[in-house]
Amino acid sequence: MRPLSVTTDVFAAIWADRKPGEETENDILGRKFGLKLPPAESPKRDIAVSVGWQDPKHGVQLPIGFEIYKVFKKKKYTAQAIQGVWVSSHDGKGYPSLNDLSMAIGAGGENAWWGWWCRHPETGEECRVSDLRDPKTIRKVKE
């Protein structure tokens, strides 16, 4: 194996194109270039690809590829959790927070936890991303 240096945006775009069963960049790029790859040993990695996105403050940890969505100005936007960022479907770029993701589509000044929706990872029901947070960690604003 050879090391490959890419920008965060290129890294995010590679993982945004991941198909089921692809566990490494080598798997993804091999498919993209039509290569028949032998079953490989797990490559030595400088990072572990085990979490799509997490917020330890609120006890949220989501798997790679977890999808969220939002309708803003009659257009549906989606993003996938990949290696600690939200990779947006509208520009293929990675954003480290929900707020940054909202700003990127022009929906600034909102509570992004309430603005984005998903399928609950345990029940499969539609819910706000906010519903994934541990309720004990949410600070209530005095009215």
N, C-alpha and C. Protein backbone atom coordinates (compact mmCIF):
# COMPACT_ATOMS: atom_id res chain seq x y z
N MET A 1 0.84 -1.19 0.00
CA MET A 1 0.00 0.00 0.00
C MET A 1 0.89 1.25 0.00
N ARG A 2 0.37 2.27 -0.65
CA ARG A 2 1.08 3.55 -0.70
C ARG A 2 0.21 4.62 -0.04
N PRO A 3 0.83 5.53 0.70
CA PRO A 3 0.03 6.63 1.29
C PRO A 3 -0.42 7.59 0.20
N LEU A 4 -1.55 8.23 0.45
CA LEU A 4 -2.11 9.18 -0.51
C LEU A 4 -2.59 10.39 0.28
N SER A 5 -2.11 11.56 -0.07
CA SER A 5 -2.53 12.79 0.61
C SER A 5 -3.59 13.49 -0.23
N VAL A 6 -4.73 13.77 0.39
CA VAL A 6 -5.81 14.48 -0.29
C VAL A 6 -6.38 15.53 0.66
N THR A 7 -7.08 16.50 0.11
CA THR A 7 -7.72 17.51 0.95
C THR A 7 -8.93 16.89 1.66
N THR A 8 -9.43 17.58 2.67
CA THR A 8 -10.61 17.12 3.40
C THR A 8 -11.81 16.99 2.46
N ASP A 9 -11.97 17.91 1.54
CA ASP A 9 -13.10 17.85 0.61
C ASP A 9 -13.01 16.63 -0.31
N VAL A 10 -11.80 16.31 -0.79
CA VAL A 10 -11.64 15.13 -1.64
C VAL A 10 -11.89 13.87 -0.82
N PHE A 11 -11.37 13.83 0.40
CA PHE A 11 -11.59 12.68 1.29
C PHE A 11 -13.08 12.48 1.53
N ALA A 12 -13.79 13.57 1.82
CA ALA A 12 -15.23 13.50 2.06
C ALA A 12 -15.97 13.03 0.81
N ALA A 13 -15.54 13.49 -0.37
CA ALA A 13 -16.20 13.09 -1.62
C ALA A 13 -16.00 11.60 -1.88
N ILE A 14 -14.82 11.09 -1.58
CA ILE A 14 -14.58 9.65 -1.75
C ILE A 14 -15.56 8.86 -0.89
N TRP A 15 -15.67 9.24 0.38
CA TRP A 15 -16.54 8.49 1.28
C TRP A 15 -18.02 8.73 0.98
N ALA A 16 -18.37 9.86 0.40
CA ALA A 16 -19.76 10.10 0.02
C ALA A 16 -20.18 9.16 -1.10
N ASP A 17 -19.22 8.65 -1.86
CA ASP A 17 -19.51 7.74 -2.97
C ASP A 17 -19.45 6.27 -2.55
N ARG A 18 -19.25 6.00 -1.28
CA ARG A 18 -19.12 4.64 -0.76
C ARG A 18 -20.38 3.83 -1.01
N LYS A 19 -20.20 2.57 -1.38
CA LYS A 19 -21.29 1.61 -1.57
C LYS A 19 -21.22 0.58 -0.44
N PRO A 20 -22.33 -0.10 -0.16
CA PRO A 20 -22.32 -1.12 0.89
C PRO A 20 -21.20 -2.14 0.66
N GLY A 21 -20.51 -2.48 1.73
CA GLY A 21 -19.42 -3.45 1.65
C GLY A 21 -18.06 -2.83 1.41
N GLU A 22 -18.02 -1.56 1.04
CA GLU A 22 -16.74 -0.88 0.84
C GLU A 22 -16.30 -0.29 2.17
N GLU A 23 -15.16 -0.75 2.65
CA GLU A 23 -14.70 -0.34 3.99
C GLU A 23 -13.45 0.51 3.97
N THR A 24 -12.83 0.69 2.82
CA THR A 24 -11.61 1.49 2.73
C THR A 24 -11.67 2.37 1.49
N GLU A 25 -10.79 3.37 1.46
CA GLU A 25 -10.69 4.22 0.28
C GLU A 25 -10.28 3.37 -0.92
N ASN A 26 -9.43 2.36 -0.70
CA ASN A 26 -9.00 1.47 -1.76
C ASN A 26 -10.19 0.76 -2.40
N ASP A 27 -11.13 0.29 -1.57
CA ASP A 27 -12.34 -0.36 -2.09
C ASP A 27 -13.15 0.60 -2.96
N ILE A 28 -13.35 1.81 -2.46
CA ILE A 28 -14.17 2.80 -3.17
C ILE A 28 -13.53 3.19 -4.50
N LEU A 29 -12.25 3.54 -4.45
CA LEU A 29 -11.57 3.99 -5.67
C LEU A 29 -11.37 2.84 -6.65
N GLY A 30 -11.15 1.63 -6.15
CA GLY A 30 -11.03 0.48 -7.03
C GLY A 30 -12.29 0.29 -7.85
N ARG A 31 -13.46 0.41 -7.21
CA ARG A 31 -14.73 0.30 -7.93
C ARG A 31 -14.87 1.44 -8.94
N LYS A 32 -14.56 2.66 -8.51
CA LYS A 32 -14.69 3.82 -9.40
C LYS A 32 -13.88 3.66 -10.68
N PHE A 33 -12.71 3.03 -10.56
CA PHE A 33 -11.84 2.87 -11.73
C PHE A 33 -11.99 1.51 -12.41
N GLY A 34 -13.02 0.74 -11.97
CA GLY A 34 -13.32 -0.53 -12.62
C GLY A 34 -12.27 -1.61 -12.41
N LEU A 35 -11.56 -1.56 -11.30
CA LEU A 35 -10.52 -2.55 -11.03
C LEU A 35 -11.08 -3.75 -10.28
N LYS A 36 -10.62 -4.91 -10.63
CA LYS A 36 -10.98 -6.13 -9.89
C LYS A 36 -9.90 -6.29 -8.82
N LEU A 37 -10.28 -6.05 -7.59
CA LEU A 37 -9.32 -6.10 -6.49
C LEU A 37 -9.40 -7.44 -5.77
N PRO A 38 -8.26 -8.02 -5.46
CA PRO A 38 -8.29 -9.24 -4.66
C PRO A 38 -8.74 -8.89 -3.25
N PRO A 39 -9.33 -9.86 -2.54
CA PRO A 39 -9.67 -9.58 -1.14
C PRO A 39 -8.41 -9.12 -0.42
N ALA A 40 -8.50 -7.96 0.19
CA ALA A 40 -7.31 -7.38 0.81
C ALA A 40 -7.34 -7.54 2.32
N GLU A 41 -6.16 -7.57 2.86
CA GLU A 41 -6.05 -7.50 4.31
C GLU A 41 -6.41 -6.07 4.70
N SER A 42 -6.82 -5.90 5.92
CA SER A 42 -7.09 -4.54 6.37
C SER A 42 -5.80 -3.74 6.30
N PRO A 43 -5.82 -2.62 5.57
CA PRO A 43 -4.59 -1.84 5.45
C PRO A 43 -4.23 -1.17 6.77
N LYS A 44 -2.96 -0.89 6.92
CA LYS A 44 -2.51 -0.11 8.08
C LYS A 44 -3.02 1.30 7.86
N ARG A 45 -3.67 1.86 8.86
CA ARG A 45 -4.28 3.18 8.71
C ARG A 45 -3.74 4.12 9.76
N ASP A 46 -3.70 5.40 9.42
CA ASP A 46 -3.31 6.39 10.41
C ASP A 46 -4.52 6.90 11.16
N ILE A 47 -5.72 6.58 10.69
CA ILE A 47 -6.95 6.94 11.38
C ILE A 47 -7.90 5.76 11.30
N ALA A 48 -8.81 5.67 12.24
CA ALA A 48 -9.80 4.60 12.21
C ALA A 48 -11.08 5.14 11.60
N VAL A 49 -11.63 4.43 10.64
CA VAL A 49 -12.89 4.82 10.03
C VAL A 49 -13.97 4.04 10.74
N SER A 50 -14.40 4.56 11.88
CA SER A 50 -15.38 3.82 12.66
C SER A 50 -16.58 4.66 13.06
N VAL A 51 -16.49 5.96 12.93
CA VAL A 51 -17.58 6.83 13.31
C VAL A 51 -17.91 7.75 12.16
N GLY A 52 -19.20 7.85 11.86
CA GLY A 52 -19.61 8.79 10.83
C GLY A 52 -19.54 10.22 11.35
N TRP A 53 -20.18 10.43 12.50
CA TRP A 53 -20.19 11.77 13.13
C TRP A 53 -20.54 11.58 14.59
N GLN A 54 -19.96 12.42 15.44
CA GLN A 54 -20.30 12.33 16.86
C GLN A 54 -20.28 13.69 17.53
N ASP A 55 -21.08 13.78 18.57
CA ASP A 55 -21.12 14.96 19.44
C ASP A 55 -21.11 14.43 20.87
N PRO A 56 -19.90 14.29 21.45
CA PRO A 56 -19.80 13.72 22.80
C PRO A 56 -20.57 14.53 23.85
N LYS A 57 -20.68 15.83 23.66
CA LYS A 57 -21.40 16.67 24.62
C LYS A 57 -22.83 16.19 24.80
N HIS A 58 -23.47 15.77 23.71
CA HIS A 58 -24.87 15.36 23.75
C HIS A 58 -25.06 13.85 23.64
N GLY A 59 -23.96 13.10 23.67
CA GLY A 59 -24.06 11.65 23.63
C GLY A 59 -24.55 11.10 22.30
N VAL A 60 -24.21 11.77 21.20
CA VAL A 60 -24.64 11.32 19.87
C VAL A 60 -23.45 10.72 19.14
N GLN A 61 -23.60 9.50 18.67
CA GLN A 61 -22.59 8.86 17.84
C GLN A 61 -23.32 8.14 16.71
N LEU A 62 -23.02 8.54 15.48
CA LEU A 62 -23.73 8.02 14.31
C LEU A 62 -22.79 7.25 13.40
N PRO A 63 -23.29 6.20 12.75
CA PRO A 63 -22.43 5.39 11.89
C PRO A 63 -22.10 6.09 10.57
N ILE A 64 -21.08 5.59 9.92
CA ILE A 64 -20.69 6.10 8.61
C ILE A 64 -21.87 5.95 7.65
N GLY A 65 -22.15 7.02 6.92
CA GLY A 65 -23.22 6.99 5.93
C GLY A 65 -24.58 7.37 6.47
N PHE A 66 -24.69 7.62 7.79
CA PHE A 66 -25.98 8.03 8.37
C PHE A 66 -26.44 9.29 7.64
N GLU A 67 -27.68 9.30 7.19
CA GLU A 67 -28.17 10.42 6.38
C GLU A 67 -29.17 11.28 7.14
N ILE A 68 -29.02 12.59 6.96
CA ILE A 68 -29.98 13.56 7.49
C ILE A 68 -30.51 14.36 6.30
N TYR A 69 -31.63 15.04 6.52
CA TYR A 69 -32.21 15.81 5.42
C TYR A 69 -32.96 17.02 5.97
N LYS A 70 -33.19 17.96 5.07
CA LYS A 70 -33.87 19.21 5.42
C LYS A 70 -34.49 19.78 4.15
N VAL A 71 -35.69 20.31 4.28
CA VAL A 71 -36.30 21.03 3.16
C VAL A 71 -36.17 22.52 3.49
N PHE A 72 -35.52 23.24 2.58
CA PHE A 72 -35.30 24.66 2.77
C PHE A 72 -35.61 25.36 1.45
N LYS A 73 -36.51 26.32 1.51
CA LYS A 73 -36.97 27.04 0.31
C LYS A 73 -37.41 26.06 -0.79
N LYS A 74 -38.23 25.10 -0.39
CA LYS A 74 -38.84 24.10 -1.27
C LYS A 74 -37.84 23.16 -1.93
N LYS A 75 -36.61 23.11 -1.43
CA LYS A 75 -35.61 22.20 -1.97
C LYS A 75 -35.14 21.27 -0.86
N LYS A 76 -35.04 19.98 -1.18
CA LYS A 76 -34.58 19.01 -0.19
C LYS A 76 -33.07 18.88 -0.25
N TYR A 77 -32.43 19.01 0.91
CA TYR A 77 -30.99 18.84 1.04
C TYR A 77 -30.73 17.61 1.89
N THR A 78 -29.68 16.88 1.56
CA THR A 78 -29.29 15.73 2.37
C THR A 78 -27.80 15.84 2.69
N ALA A 79 -27.40 15.12 3.72
CA ALA A 79 -25.98 15.05 4.08
C ALA A 79 -25.74 13.71 4.74
N GLN A 80 -24.53 13.20 4.57
CA GLN A 80 -24.14 11.94 5.18
C GLN A 80 -23.02 12.16 6.18
N ALA A 81 -23.06 11.38 7.25
CA ALA A 81 -22.02 11.42 8.28
C ALA A 81 -20.84 10.57 7.80
N ILE A 82 -19.70 11.23 7.60
CA ILE A 82 -18.51 10.53 7.12
C ILE A 82 -17.28 11.08 7.81
N GLN A 83 -16.63 10.24 8.59
CA GLN A 83 -15.37 10.55 9.26
C GLN A 83 -15.39 11.89 9.99
N GLY A 84 -16.45 12.10 10.75
CA GLY A 84 -16.52 13.28 11.62
C GLY A 84 -17.07 14.54 10.99
N VAL A 85 -17.51 14.47 9.73
CA VAL A 85 -18.10 15.65 9.09
C VAL A 85 -19.42 15.25 8.44
N TRP A 86 -20.22 16.26 8.15
CA TRP A 86 -21.45 16.08 7.37
C TRP A 86 -21.12 16.41 5.93
N VAL A 87 -21.19 15.42 5.04
CA VAL A 87 -20.91 15.65 3.63
C VAL A 87 -22.23 15.98 2.94
N SER A 88 -22.30 17.21 2.43
CA SER A 88 -23.53 17.74 1.85
C SER A 88 -23.73 17.26 0.42
N SER A 89 -24.97 16.90 0.11
CA SER A 89 -25.29 16.47 -1.26
C SER A 89 -25.27 17.65 -2.24
N HIS A 90 -25.43 18.87 -1.73
CA HIS A 90 -25.53 20.00 -2.66
C HIS A 90 -24.18 20.46 -3.20
N ASP A 91 -23.09 20.21 -2.46
CA ASP A 91 -21.79 20.65 -2.96
C ASP A 91 -20.68 19.62 -2.74
N GLY A 92 -20.98 18.50 -2.09
CA GLY A 92 -19.99 17.45 -1.87
C GLY A 92 -18.93 17.78 -0.84
N LYS A 93 -19.10 18.91 -0.14
CA LYS A 93 -18.12 19.32 0.86
C LYS A 93 -18.50 18.81 2.24
N GLY A 94 -17.49 18.70 3.10
CA GLY A 94 -17.71 18.25 4.46
C GLY A 94 -17.80 19.41 5.43
N TYR A 95 -18.77 19.34 6.36
CA TYR A 95 -18.98 20.39 7.36
C TYR A 95 -18.94 19.75 8.74
N PRO A 96 -18.15 20.32 9.66
CA PRO A 96 -17.96 19.68 10.96
C PRO A 96 -19.16 19.75 11.91
N SER A 97 -20.07 20.66 11.67
CA SER A 97 -21.22 20.78 12.58
C SER A 97 -22.51 20.96 11.79
N LEU A 98 -23.62 20.72 12.47
CA LEU A 98 -24.93 20.95 11.86
C LEU A 98 -25.11 22.42 11.52
N ASN A 99 -24.62 23.30 12.40
CA ASN A 99 -24.74 24.73 12.13
C ASN A 99 -23.98 25.12 10.86
N ASP A 100 -22.76 24.58 10.70
CA ASP A 100 -21.99 24.87 9.48
C ASP A 100 -22.71 24.35 8.25
N LEU A 101 -23.32 23.19 8.37
CA LEU A 101 -24.07 22.60 7.26
C LEU A 101 -25.26 23.49 6.89
N SER A 102 -25.99 23.97 7.89
CA SER A 102 -27.12 24.86 7.63
C SER A 102 -26.68 26.16 6.97
N MET A 103 -25.56 26.71 7.45
CA MET A 103 -25.05 27.95 6.86
C MET A 103 -24.69 27.73 5.38
N ALA A 104 -24.16 26.56 5.06
CA ALA A 104 -23.73 26.27 3.69
C ALA A 104 -24.89 26.26 2.70
N ILE A 105 -26.08 25.93 3.17
CA ILE A 105 -27.23 25.93 2.25
C ILE A 105 -28.03 27.23 2.35
N GLY A 106 -27.56 28.16 3.19
CA GLY A 106 -28.22 29.45 3.31
C GLY A 106 -29.24 29.54 4.42
N ALA A 107 -29.32 28.52 5.26
CA ALA A 107 -30.32 28.50 6.34
C ALA A 107 -29.69 28.88 7.67
N GLY A 108 -28.93 29.95 7.70
CA GLY A 108 -28.27 30.38 8.93
C GLY A 108 -29.26 30.92 9.94
N GLY A 109 -28.79 31.07 11.17
CA GLY A 109 -29.62 31.67 12.21
C GLY A 109 -30.74 30.77 12.71
N GLU A 110 -30.58 29.47 12.58
CA GLU A 110 -31.61 28.55 13.06
C GLU A 110 -31.00 27.62 14.11
N ASN A 111 -31.85 26.92 14.82
CA ASN A 111 -31.39 25.84 15.68
C ASN A 111 -31.25 24.63 14.76
N ALA A 112 -30.03 24.35 14.34
CA ALA A 112 -29.80 23.30 13.35
C ALA A 112 -30.19 21.92 13.87
N TRP A 113 -30.12 21.70 15.17
CA TRP A 113 -30.56 20.42 15.73
C TRP A 113 -32.04 20.19 15.42
N TRP A 114 -32.82 21.26 15.39
CA TRP A 114 -34.26 21.15 15.10
C TRP A 114 -34.55 21.23 13.61
N GLY A 115 -33.65 21.82 12.84
CA GLY A 115 -33.90 22.03 11.42
C GLY A 115 -33.64 20.82 10.54
N TRP A 116 -32.81 19.89 11.01
CA TRP A 116 -32.47 18.71 10.22
C TRP A 116 -33.23 17.49 10.74
N TRP A 117 -33.61 16.60 9.83
CA TRP A 117 -34.40 15.41 10.14
C TRP A 117 -33.64 14.16 9.74
N CYS A 118 -34.07 13.02 10.27
CA CYS A 118 -33.44 11.75 9.95
C CYS A 118 -34.40 10.60 10.26
N ARG A 119 -33.95 9.41 9.99
CA ARG A 119 -34.64 8.21 10.44
C ARG A 119 -33.93 7.77 11.71
N HIS A 120 -34.68 7.60 12.78
CA HIS A 120 -34.06 7.21 14.05
C HIS A 120 -33.33 5.89 13.87
N PRO A 121 -32.05 5.81 14.30
CA PRO A 121 -31.27 4.60 14.06
C PRO A 121 -31.82 3.35 14.75
N GLU A 122 -32.62 3.52 15.79
CA GLU A 122 -33.17 2.35 16.50
C GLU A 122 -34.58 2.00 16.04
N THR A 123 -35.41 3.02 15.80
CA THR A 123 -36.82 2.75 15.47
C THR A 123 -37.13 2.87 13.98
N GLY A 124 -36.29 3.60 13.25
CA GLY A 124 -36.54 3.83 11.83
C GLY A 124 -37.58 4.90 11.56
N GLU A 125 -38.13 5.48 12.63
CA GLU A 125 -39.14 6.52 12.46
C GLU A 125 -38.49 7.87 12.16
N GLU A 126 -39.22 8.69 11.40
CA GLU A 126 -38.74 10.03 11.10
C GLU A 126 -38.70 10.85 12.39
N CYS A 127 -37.59 11.57 12.59
CA CYS A 127 -37.47 12.42 13.78
C CYS A 127 -36.49 13.55 13.49
N ARG A 128 -36.51 14.53 14.37
CA ARG A 128 -35.52 15.60 14.28
C ARG A 128 -34.18 15.05 14.77
N VAL A 129 -33.10 15.58 14.24
CA VAL A 129 -31.78 15.16 14.71
C VAL A 129 -31.66 15.44 16.22
N SER A 130 -32.34 16.47 16.67
CA SER A 130 -32.34 16.80 18.10
C SER A 130 -32.81 15.64 18.97
N ASP A 131 -33.72 14.82 18.43
CA ASP A 131 -34.25 13.69 19.21
C ASP A 131 -33.20 12.63 19.49
N LEU A 132 -32.05 12.69 18.82
CA LEU A 132 -30.98 11.73 19.05
C LEU A 132 -30.11 12.11 20.25
N ARG A 133 -30.28 13.35 20.72
CA ARG A 133 -29.47 13.81 21.85
C ARG A 133 -29.99 13.26 23.17
N ASP A 134 -29.09 13.10 24.12
CA ASP A 134 -29.46 12.72 25.48
C ASP A 134 -30.18 13.93 26.09
N PRO A 135 -31.46 13.79 26.46
CA PRO A 135 -32.22 14.94 26.96
C PRO A 135 -31.58 15.63 28.17
N LYS A 136 -30.81 14.89 28.96
CA LYS A 136 -30.17 15.48 30.14
C LYS A 136 -29.07 16.48 29.77
N THR A 137 -28.62 16.45 28.51
CA THR A 137 -27.53 17.34 28.10
C THR A 137 -28.02 18.62 27.44
N ILE A 138 -29.32 18.73 27.24
CA ILE A 138 -29.88 19.90 26.55
C ILE A 138 -30.17 21.00 27.55
N ARG A 139 -29.54 22.13 27.33
CA ARG A 139 -29.73 23.27 28.21
C ARG A 139 -30.96 24.05 27.75
N LYS A 140 -31.89 24.27 28.65
CA LYS A 140 -33.10 25.02 28.33
C LYS A 140 -32.82 26.52 28.45
N VAL A 141 -33.29 27.26 27.47
CA VAL A 141 -33.13 28.72 27.49
C VAL A 141 -34.32 29.31 28.25
N LYS A 142 -34.03 30.18 29.21
CA LYS A 142 -35.11 30.83 29.95
C LYS A 142 -35.83 31.81 29.06
N GLU A 143 -37.15 31.78 29.14
CA GLU A 143 -37.96 32.67 28.30
C GLU A 143 -38.30 33.93 29.05
